[in-house]
Amino acid sequence: MTKDPSKIKRCPECRRLVEAATMRPLSRTRFGGGVRFACPDCFKRVMMLRKATPGARSTK
């Protein structure tokens, strides 16, 4: 991991410190204020959950 603090972010899902360049977009925020990002591990976990339950999510 880089030592430059401006390139390190905290993943909102798992709270680990990761490099900002490796973070992936998960979804738009609830109030339309941008995009929520997560580390690669959390991104993979959430995408697998979405594939497993396609009809369970609400479309509101």
C-alpha atoms as a PDB file:
ATOM      1  CA  MET A   1       0.000   0.000   0.000  1.00  0.00           C
ATOM      2  CA  THR A   2       1.179   3.518  -0.738  1.00  0.00           C
ATOM      3  CA  LYS A   3       2.355   5.773   2.053  1.00  0.00           C
ATOM      4  CA  ASP A   4       0.691   8.876   0.593  1.00  0.00           C
ATOM      5  CA  PRO A   5      -2.361   9.536   2.838  1.00  0.00           C
ATOM      6  CA  SER A   6      -4.266  11.293   0.055  1.00  0.00           C
ATOM      7  CA  LYS A   7      -4.399   8.011  -1.894  1.00  0.00           C
ATOM      8  CA  ILE A   8      -5.777   5.925   0.982  1.00  0.00           C
ATOM      9  CA  LYS A   9      -9.519   5.683   1.670  1.00  0.00           C
ATOM     10  CA  ARG A  10     -11.657   3.754   4.142  1.00  0.00           C
ATOM     11  CA  CYS A  11     -14.092   1.235   2.682  1.00  0.00           C
ATOM     12  CA  PRO A  12     -17.623   2.081   3.943  1.00  0.00           C
ATOM     13  CA  GLU A  13     -18.608  -1.604   3.965  1.00  0.00           C
ATOM     14  CA  CYS A  14     -15.776  -3.228   5.936  1.00  0.00           C
ATOM     15  CA  ARG A  15     -13.964  -0.153   7.315  1.00  0.00           C
ATOM     16  CA  ARG A  16     -10.546  -1.316   6.061  1.00  0.00           C
ATOM     17  CA  LEU A  17      -8.009   1.145   4.669  1.00  0.00           C
ATOM     18  CA  VAL A  18      -7.448   0.574   0.932  1.00  0.00           C
ATOM     19  CA  GLU A  19      -5.865   2.450  -1.950  1.00  0.00           C
ATOM     20  CA  ALA A  20      -8.351   4.784  -3.595  1.00  0.00           C
ATOM     21  CA  ALA A  21      -7.411   3.548  -7.078  1.00  0.00           C
ATOM     22  CA  THR A  22      -8.612   0.014  -6.237  1.00  0.00           C
ATOM     23  CA  MET A  23     -12.082   1.031  -5.010  1.00  0.00           C
ATOM     24  CA  ARG A  24     -15.019  -0.008  -7.224  1.00  0.00           C
ATOM     25  CA  PRO A  25     -18.456   1.656  -7.633  1.00  0.00           C
ATOM     26  CA  LEU A  26     -21.264  -0.179  -5.848  1.00  0.00           C
ATOM     27  CA  SER A  27     -24.331   1.979  -6.332  1.00  0.00           C
ATOM     28  CA  ARG A  28     -25.688   5.479  -6.310  1.00  0.00           C
ATOM     29  CA  THR A  29     -26.344   6.969  -2.899  1.00  0.00           C
ATOM     30  CA  ARG A  30     -29.926   7.009  -1.670  1.00  0.00           C
ATOM     31  CA  PHE A  31     -30.382  10.767  -2.031  1.00  0.00           C
ATOM     32  CA  GLY A  32     -28.708  11.109  -5.449  1.00  0.00           C
ATOM     33  CA  GLY A  33     -25.539  12.694  -4.092  1.00  0.00           C
ATOM     34  CA  GLY A  34     -23.047  10.592  -6.017  1.00  0.00           C
ATOM     35  CA  VAL A  35     -21.708   7.077  -6.185  1.00  0.00           C
ATOM     36  CA  ARG A  36     -20.831   4.787  -3.266  1.00  0.00           C
ATOM     37  CA  PHE A  37     -17.469   3.014  -3.588  1.00  0.00           C
ATOM     38  CA  ALA A  38     -16.152  -0.130  -1.883  1.00  0.00           C
ATOM     39  CA  CYS A  39     -12.953  -2.155  -1.761  1.00  0.00           C
ATOM     40  CA  PRO A  40     -12.554  -5.038  -4.260  1.00  0.00           C
ATOM     41  CA  ASP A  41     -13.430  -7.694  -1.652  1.00  0.00           C
ATOM     42  CA  CYS A  42     -16.688  -6.001  -0.658  1.00  0.00           C
ATOM     43  CA  PHE A  43     -17.502  -5.281  -4.298  1.00  0.00           C
ATOM     44  CA  LYS A  44     -17.168  -8.970  -5.170  1.00  0.00           C
ATOM     45  CA  ARG A  45     -19.269 -10.023  -2.154  1.00  0.00           C
ATOM     46  CA  VAL A  46     -22.090  -7.574  -2.968  1.00  0.00           C
ATOM     47  CA  MET A  47     -22.130  -8.554  -6.659  1.00  0.00           C
ATOM     48  CA  MET A  48     -22.396 -12.247  -5.728  1.00  0.00           C
ATOM     49  CA  LEU A  49     -25.314 -11.452  -3.387  1.00  0.00           C
ATOM     50  CA  ARG A  50     -27.074  -9.507  -6.137  1.00  0.00           C
ATOM     51  CA  LYS A  51     -26.724 -12.422  -8.559  1.00  0.00           C
ATOM     52  CA  ALA A  52     -27.992 -14.915  -5.965  1.00  0.00           C
ATOM     53  CA  THR A  53     -31.198 -12.972  -5.232  1.00  0.00           C
ATOM     54  CA  PRO A  54     -32.229 -11.012  -8.330  1.00  0.00           C
ATOM     55  CA  GLY A  55     -35.917 -10.635  -7.373  1.00  0.00           C
ATOM     56  CA  ALA A  56     -35.378  -9.927  -3.679  1.00  0.00           C
ATOM     57  CA  ARG A  57     -34.216  -6.342  -4.093  1.00  0.00           C
ATOM     58  CA  SER A  58     -36.734  -3.546  -4.141  1.00  0.00           C
ATOM     59  CA  THR A  59     -36.805  -1.315  -7.252  1.00  0.00           C
ATOM     60  CA  LYS A  60     -38.226   1.743  -5.478  1.00  0.00           C
END
